[in-house]
N, C-alpha and C. Protein backbone atom coordinates (compact mmCIF):
# COMPACT_ATOMS: atom_id res chain seq x y z
N UNK A 1 -130.20 -109.57 69.61
CA UNK A 1 -130.67 -108.47 68.76
C UNK A 1 -132.07 -108.07 69.22
N UNK A 2 -132.30 -106.79 69.15
CA UNK A 2 -133.57 -106.26 69.59
C UNK A 2 -134.23 -105.46 68.48
N UNK A 3 -135.55 -105.31 68.59
CA UNK A 3 -136.32 -104.57 67.61
C UNK A 3 -136.40 -103.09 68.03
N UNK A 4 -136.21 -102.18 67.08
CA UNK A 4 -136.33 -100.76 67.32
C UNK A 4 -137.57 -100.28 66.52
N UNK A 5 -138.49 -99.62 67.24
CA UNK A 5 -139.69 -99.13 66.59
C UNK A 5 -139.33 -97.91 65.73
N UNK A 6 -139.84 -97.91 64.48
CA UNK A 6 -139.54 -96.82 63.56
C UNK A 6 -140.85 -96.08 63.28
N UNK A 7 -140.71 -94.84 62.83
CA UNK A 7 -141.89 -94.01 62.59
C UNK A 7 -141.84 -93.33 61.21
N UNK A 8 -142.81 -92.47 60.99
CA UNK A 8 -142.94 -91.78 59.72
C UNK A 8 -141.71 -90.90 59.44
N UNK A 9 -141.20 -90.23 60.44
CA UNK A 9 -140.01 -89.38 60.24
C UNK A 9 -138.82 -90.23 59.82
N UNK A 10 -138.65 -91.40 60.43
CA UNK A 10 -137.56 -92.27 60.07
C UNK A 10 -137.67 -92.66 58.57
N UNK A 11 -138.85 -93.02 58.18
CA UNK A 11 -139.08 -93.41 56.78
C UNK A 11 -138.82 -92.25 55.80
N UNK A 12 -139.28 -91.07 56.18
CA UNK A 12 -139.07 -89.90 55.36
C UNK A 12 -137.57 -89.61 55.22
N UNK A 13 -136.86 -89.67 56.30
CA UNK A 13 -135.42 -89.43 56.28
C UNK A 13 -134.69 -90.49 55.47
N UNK A 14 -135.18 -91.76 55.61
CA UNK A 14 -134.58 -92.83 54.82
C UNK A 14 -134.77 -92.61 53.32
N UNK A 15 -135.99 -92.15 52.96
CA UNK A 15 -136.29 -91.86 51.54
C UNK A 15 -135.31 -90.81 51.00
N UNK A 16 -135.09 -89.75 51.82
CA UNK A 16 -134.21 -88.65 51.40
C UNK A 16 -132.80 -89.15 51.28
N UNK A 17 -132.30 -89.97 52.21
CA UNK A 17 -130.96 -90.52 52.14
C UNK A 17 -130.81 -91.41 50.90
N UNK A 18 -131.80 -92.22 50.61
CA UNK A 18 -131.75 -93.10 49.42
C UNK A 18 -131.73 -92.23 48.15
N UNK A 19 -132.57 -91.18 48.12
CA UNK A 19 -132.60 -90.31 46.95
C UNK A 19 -131.25 -89.64 46.73
N UNK A 20 -130.58 -89.28 47.83
CA UNK A 20 -129.27 -88.65 47.71
C UNK A 20 -128.25 -89.60 47.08
N UNK A 21 -128.34 -90.91 47.45
CA UNK A 21 -127.46 -91.92 46.91
C UNK A 21 -127.85 -92.24 45.48
N UNK A 22 -129.15 -92.20 45.19
CA UNK A 22 -129.63 -92.48 43.84
C UNK A 22 -130.58 -93.64 43.69
N UNK A 23 -130.43 -94.65 44.60
CA UNK A 23 -131.33 -95.81 44.49
C UNK A 23 -131.22 -96.66 45.76
N UNK A 24 -132.16 -97.53 45.94
CA UNK A 24 -132.11 -98.48 47.05
C UNK A 24 -130.93 -99.37 46.96
N UNK A 25 -130.60 -99.78 45.77
CA UNK A 25 -129.46 -100.66 45.53
C UNK A 25 -128.14 -99.94 45.92
N UNK A 26 -128.05 -98.70 45.53
CA UNK A 26 -126.92 -97.89 45.92
C UNK A 26 -126.77 -97.70 47.42
N UNK A 27 -127.94 -97.51 48.05
CA UNK A 27 -127.97 -97.38 49.53
C UNK A 27 -127.58 -98.69 50.21
N UNK A 28 -128.06 -99.81 49.60
CA UNK A 28 -127.67 -101.12 50.07
C UNK A 28 -126.13 -101.29 50.07
N UNK A 29 -125.54 -100.87 48.98
CA UNK A 29 -124.07 -100.99 48.86
C UNK A 29 -123.35 -100.16 49.90
N UNK A 30 -123.92 -99.01 50.21
CA UNK A 30 -123.31 -98.06 51.17
C UNK A 30 -123.45 -98.53 52.59
N UNK A 31 -124.63 -99.18 52.92
CA UNK A 31 -124.93 -99.48 54.31
C UNK A 31 -124.87 -100.97 54.67
N UNK A 32 -125.02 -101.81 53.63
CA UNK A 32 -125.09 -103.24 53.94
C UNK A 32 -126.48 -103.73 54.29
N UNK A 33 -127.49 -102.81 54.23
CA UNK A 33 -128.86 -103.17 54.45
C UNK A 33 -129.49 -103.54 53.12
N UNK A 34 -130.08 -104.72 53.03
CA UNK A 34 -130.55 -105.22 51.74
C UNK A 34 -131.62 -104.34 51.14
N UNK A 35 -131.67 -104.29 49.84
CA UNK A 35 -132.70 -103.51 49.11
C UNK A 35 -134.07 -104.03 49.49
N UNK A 36 -134.21 -105.31 49.71
CA UNK A 36 -135.48 -105.93 50.07
C UNK A 36 -135.96 -105.35 51.45
N UNK A 37 -135.04 -105.24 52.39
CA UNK A 37 -135.36 -104.73 53.73
C UNK A 37 -135.73 -103.21 53.62
N UNK A 38 -134.96 -102.49 52.81
CA UNK A 38 -135.23 -101.06 52.60
C UNK A 38 -136.65 -100.86 52.04
N UNK A 39 -136.94 -101.63 51.03
CA UNK A 39 -138.26 -101.57 50.42
C UNK A 39 -139.36 -101.87 51.39
N UNK A 40 -139.18 -102.86 52.22
CA UNK A 40 -140.15 -103.25 53.23
C UNK A 40 -140.38 -102.10 54.24
N UNK A 41 -139.33 -101.44 54.62
CA UNK A 41 -139.40 -100.30 55.53
C UNK A 41 -140.19 -99.19 54.91
N UNK A 42 -139.82 -98.83 53.69
CA UNK A 42 -140.43 -97.68 52.99
C UNK A 42 -141.93 -97.95 52.68
N UNK A 43 -142.23 -99.20 52.38
CA UNK A 43 -143.63 -99.57 52.06
C UNK A 43 -144.51 -99.75 53.33
N UNK A 44 -143.90 -99.45 54.47
CA UNK A 44 -144.63 -99.57 55.75
C UNK A 44 -145.12 -101.01 56.05
N UNK A 45 -144.34 -101.95 55.56
CA UNK A 45 -144.71 -103.38 55.83
C UNK A 45 -144.11 -103.86 57.15
N UNK A 46 -143.41 -102.94 57.84
CA UNK A 46 -142.88 -103.23 59.15
C UNK A 46 -142.89 -101.98 59.98
N UNK A 47 -143.09 -102.14 61.28
CA UNK A 47 -143.05 -101.02 62.19
C UNK A 47 -141.82 -100.97 63.06
N UNK A 48 -140.93 -101.99 62.84
CA UNK A 48 -139.73 -102.03 63.67
C UNK A 48 -138.63 -102.71 62.82
N UNK A 49 -137.42 -102.40 63.19
CA UNK A 49 -136.24 -103.02 62.55
C UNK A 49 -135.27 -103.48 63.61
N UNK A 50 -134.39 -104.38 63.25
CA UNK A 50 -133.38 -104.85 64.17
C UNK A 50 -132.44 -103.71 64.56
N UNK A 51 -131.92 -103.78 65.77
CA UNK A 51 -130.99 -102.77 66.21
C UNK A 51 -129.76 -102.70 65.30
N UNK A 52 -129.35 -103.83 64.76
CA UNK A 52 -128.15 -103.83 63.87
C UNK A 52 -128.48 -103.12 62.55
N UNK A 53 -129.68 -103.23 62.08
CA UNK A 53 -130.12 -102.48 60.88
C UNK A 53 -130.15 -101.00 61.19
N UNK A 54 -130.71 -100.64 62.34
CA UNK A 54 -130.77 -99.24 62.77
C UNK A 54 -129.37 -98.65 62.83
N UNK A 55 -128.44 -99.37 63.38
CA UNK A 55 -127.05 -98.90 63.48
C UNK A 55 -126.44 -98.60 62.13
N UNK A 56 -126.81 -99.39 61.13
CA UNK A 56 -126.27 -99.18 59.79
C UNK A 56 -126.93 -98.02 59.06
N UNK A 57 -128.21 -97.77 59.32
CA UNK A 57 -128.94 -96.74 58.59
C UNK A 57 -128.82 -95.35 59.26
N UNK A 58 -128.88 -95.33 60.56
CA UNK A 58 -128.93 -94.04 61.25
C UNK A 58 -127.90 -93.01 60.87
N UNK A 59 -126.62 -93.36 60.71
CA UNK A 59 -125.63 -92.35 60.36
C UNK A 59 -125.95 -91.63 59.04
N UNK A 60 -126.66 -92.29 58.13
CA UNK A 60 -126.98 -91.72 56.84
C UNK A 60 -128.22 -90.88 56.86
N UNK A 61 -129.14 -91.12 57.80
CA UNK A 61 -130.42 -90.39 57.79
C UNK A 61 -130.48 -89.25 58.82
N UNK A 62 -129.54 -89.22 59.77
CA UNK A 62 -129.67 -88.27 60.88
C UNK A 62 -129.71 -86.82 60.35
N UNK A 63 -129.04 -86.52 59.28
CA UNK A 63 -129.01 -85.12 58.79
C UNK A 63 -130.37 -84.70 58.25
N UNK A 64 -131.27 -85.66 57.97
CA UNK A 64 -132.62 -85.35 57.49
C UNK A 64 -133.64 -85.29 58.58
N UNK A 65 -133.21 -85.48 59.83
CA UNK A 65 -134.13 -85.47 60.97
C UNK A 65 -134.00 -84.17 61.74
N UNK A 66 -135.14 -83.68 62.24
CA UNK A 66 -135.12 -82.51 63.14
C UNK A 66 -134.65 -82.95 64.49
N UNK A 67 -134.31 -81.99 65.34
CA UNK A 67 -133.89 -82.30 66.71
C UNK A 67 -134.99 -83.06 67.43
N UNK A 68 -136.23 -82.67 67.19
CA UNK A 68 -137.37 -83.34 67.85
C UNK A 68 -137.46 -84.77 67.38
N UNK A 69 -137.29 -84.99 66.09
CA UNK A 69 -137.38 -86.36 65.52
C UNK A 69 -136.22 -87.22 66.06
N UNK A 70 -135.04 -86.63 66.18
CA UNK A 70 -133.91 -87.37 66.72
C UNK A 70 -134.22 -87.75 68.18
N UNK A 71 -134.78 -86.80 68.90
CA UNK A 71 -135.15 -87.07 70.32
C UNK A 71 -136.14 -88.19 70.42
N UNK A 72 -137.14 -88.21 69.53
CA UNK A 72 -138.15 -89.28 69.54
C UNK A 72 -137.50 -90.63 69.23
N UNK A 73 -136.61 -90.68 68.23
CA UNK A 73 -135.92 -91.92 67.92
C UNK A 73 -135.00 -92.32 69.06
N UNK A 74 -134.36 -91.34 69.62
CA UNK A 74 -133.47 -91.57 70.76
C UNK A 74 -134.21 -92.26 71.90
N UNK A 75 -135.43 -91.79 72.15
CA UNK A 75 -136.24 -92.36 73.21
C UNK A 75 -136.62 -93.83 72.85
N UNK A 76 -136.97 -94.08 71.63
CA UNK A 76 -137.31 -95.42 71.19
C UNK A 76 -136.10 -96.39 71.37
N UNK A 77 -134.94 -95.88 70.98
CA UNK A 77 -133.75 -96.71 71.08
C UNK A 77 -133.37 -96.89 72.55
N UNK A 78 -133.45 -95.87 73.32
CA UNK A 78 -133.11 -96.00 74.75
C UNK A 78 -134.05 -96.94 75.49
N UNK A 79 -135.27 -97.07 75.01
CA UNK A 79 -136.19 -98.00 75.63
C UNK A 79 -135.75 -99.46 75.37
N UNK A 80 -134.99 -99.66 74.31
CA UNK A 80 -134.57 -101.03 73.93
C UNK A 80 -133.15 -101.35 74.30
N UNK A 81 -132.29 -100.43 74.01
CA UNK A 81 -130.87 -100.72 74.22
C UNK A 81 -130.11 -99.44 74.25
N UNK A 82 -129.84 -98.88 75.39
CA UNK A 82 -129.31 -97.53 75.51
C UNK A 82 -127.97 -97.28 74.87
N UNK A 83 -127.14 -98.30 74.70
CA UNK A 83 -125.82 -98.07 74.11
C UNK A 83 -125.83 -97.90 72.64
N UNK A 84 -126.86 -98.42 71.95
CA UNK A 84 -126.84 -98.34 70.48
C UNK A 84 -126.77 -96.91 69.97
N UNK A 85 -127.71 -96.10 70.39
CA UNK A 85 -127.75 -94.75 69.86
C UNK A 85 -126.53 -93.95 70.29
N UNK A 86 -126.00 -94.19 71.43
CA UNK A 86 -124.80 -93.50 71.85
C UNK A 86 -123.63 -93.86 70.90
N UNK A 87 -123.60 -95.11 70.43
CA UNK A 87 -122.52 -95.53 69.55
C UNK A 87 -122.64 -94.92 68.15
N UNK A 88 -123.88 -94.67 67.66
CA UNK A 88 -124.05 -94.18 66.33
C UNK A 88 -124.51 -92.74 66.25
N UNK A 89 -124.88 -92.13 67.32
CA UNK A 89 -125.49 -90.81 67.30
C UNK A 89 -124.54 -89.78 66.62
N UNK A 90 -123.33 -89.77 67.03
CA UNK A 90 -122.38 -88.76 66.50
C UNK A 90 -121.46 -89.35 65.41
N UNK A 91 -121.80 -90.54 64.98
CA UNK A 91 -120.95 -91.23 63.99
C UNK A 91 -121.21 -90.66 62.59
N UNK A 92 -120.18 -90.29 61.92
CA UNK A 92 -120.26 -89.91 60.54
C UNK A 92 -119.58 -91.02 59.76
N UNK A 93 -120.26 -91.63 58.80
CA UNK A 93 -119.68 -92.77 58.11
C UNK A 93 -118.38 -92.47 57.39
N UNK A 94 -118.09 -91.20 57.16
CA UNK A 94 -116.84 -90.81 56.48
C UNK A 94 -115.70 -90.56 57.42
N UNK A 95 -115.95 -90.57 58.73
CA UNK A 95 -114.90 -90.32 59.72
C UNK A 95 -114.21 -91.64 60.13
N UNK A 96 -112.99 -91.47 60.59
CA UNK A 96 -112.28 -92.62 61.12
C UNK A 96 -112.11 -92.44 62.63
N UNK A 97 -111.83 -93.51 63.31
CA UNK A 97 -111.64 -93.43 64.75
C UNK A 97 -110.32 -92.76 65.09
N UNK A 98 -110.20 -92.30 66.33
CA UNK A 98 -108.97 -91.69 66.79
C UNK A 98 -107.78 -92.69 66.65
N UNK A 99 -108.05 -93.95 67.00
CA UNK A 99 -107.00 -94.96 66.91
C UNK A 99 -106.53 -95.12 65.44
N UNK A 100 -107.48 -95.13 64.49
CA UNK A 100 -107.11 -95.22 63.10
C UNK A 100 -106.32 -94.02 62.63
N UNK A 101 -106.76 -92.83 63.10
CA UNK A 101 -106.07 -91.60 62.75
C UNK A 101 -104.62 -91.63 63.20
N UNK A 102 -104.46 -92.00 64.48
CA UNK A 102 -103.07 -92.05 65.07
C UNK A 102 -102.24 -93.08 64.31
N UNK A 103 -102.85 -94.19 63.95
CA UNK A 103 -102.13 -95.22 63.16
C UNK A 103 -101.66 -94.66 61.84
N UNK A 104 -102.53 -93.86 61.15
CA UNK A 104 -102.17 -93.27 59.88
C UNK A 104 -101.06 -92.25 60.08
N UNK A 105 -101.16 -91.46 61.13
CA UNK A 105 -100.11 -90.49 61.40
C UNK A 105 -98.75 -91.18 61.62
N UNK A 106 -98.81 -92.19 62.46
CA UNK A 106 -97.55 -92.91 62.79
C UNK A 106 -96.90 -93.61 61.59
N UNK A 107 -97.73 -94.10 60.66
CA UNK A 107 -97.18 -94.83 59.55
C UNK A 107 -96.82 -93.91 58.38
N UNK A 108 -97.04 -92.61 58.49
CA UNK A 108 -96.78 -91.69 57.40
C UNK A 108 -95.25 -91.50 57.24
N UNK A 109 -94.82 -91.52 55.97
CA UNK A 109 -93.42 -91.30 55.65
C UNK A 109 -93.18 -89.80 55.35
N UNK A 110 -94.25 -89.04 55.23
CA UNK A 110 -94.11 -87.64 54.87
C UNK A 110 -94.14 -86.69 56.05
N UNK A 111 -94.41 -87.21 57.26
CA UNK A 111 -94.45 -86.37 58.45
C UNK A 111 -93.27 -86.74 59.36
N UNK A 112 -92.55 -85.70 59.79
CA UNK A 112 -91.41 -85.98 60.64
C UNK A 112 -91.86 -86.27 62.08
N UNK A 113 -90.99 -86.79 62.89
CA UNK A 113 -91.33 -87.25 64.24
C UNK A 113 -91.91 -86.13 65.09
N UNK A 114 -91.34 -84.93 65.01
CA UNK A 114 -91.85 -83.82 65.82
C UNK A 114 -93.26 -83.48 65.41
N UNK A 115 -93.55 -83.46 64.09
CA UNK A 115 -94.92 -83.16 63.62
C UNK A 115 -95.89 -84.26 64.02
N UNK A 116 -95.43 -85.51 63.99
CA UNK A 116 -96.28 -86.63 64.39
C UNK A 116 -96.75 -86.47 65.83
N UNK A 117 -95.82 -86.09 66.69
CA UNK A 117 -96.14 -85.88 68.10
C UNK A 117 -97.17 -84.78 68.25
N UNK A 118 -97.03 -83.71 67.49
CA UNK A 118 -98.00 -82.58 67.54
C UNK A 118 -99.40 -83.06 67.09
N UNK A 119 -99.44 -83.78 65.97
CA UNK A 119 -100.70 -84.28 65.47
C UNK A 119 -101.35 -85.25 66.44
N UNK A 120 -100.56 -86.11 67.04
CA UNK A 120 -101.11 -87.11 67.99
C UNK A 120 -101.68 -86.37 69.24
N UNK A 121 -101.00 -85.37 69.68
CA UNK A 121 -101.49 -84.59 70.81
C UNK A 121 -102.83 -83.93 70.48
N UNK A 122 -102.94 -83.38 69.32
CA UNK A 122 -104.21 -82.78 68.86
C UNK A 122 -105.30 -83.85 68.76
N UNK A 123 -104.96 -84.96 68.18
CA UNK A 123 -105.94 -86.07 68.00
C UNK A 123 -106.46 -86.53 69.38
N UNK A 124 -105.60 -86.60 70.33
CA UNK A 124 -106.01 -87.02 71.69
C UNK A 124 -106.87 -86.01 72.41
N UNK A 125 -106.80 -84.77 71.97
CA UNK A 125 -107.64 -83.69 72.61
C UNK A 125 -109.04 -83.71 72.03
N UNK A 126 -109.27 -84.34 70.91
CA UNK A 126 -110.56 -84.33 70.24
C UNK A 126 -111.57 -85.21 70.99
């Protein structure tokens, strides 16, 4: 595990994401990052977080970051571990993987075989 340097923009975006959820405890339940850790980040008692913590938080805060702020964070992450940000950059916590989608299509009793093939073809094009 590696440390990722965080900045004021990260903290601001985190505050906004927590406010959207309603509380640090609610955000903890959504992300798996402890309320204690969230409080420490927001209170500026740390200037870096573990890459695993970053991976859990980033999908929820990215919509509150400007392109420039994302670029700055991207640079910080790439200096530490280039694959992390690539794995979470386009991740939406409400989306499922292509493999999960195809599994759901295949297991559906309401879609006929011909429609399943069409859906799978579309899923593979995404």
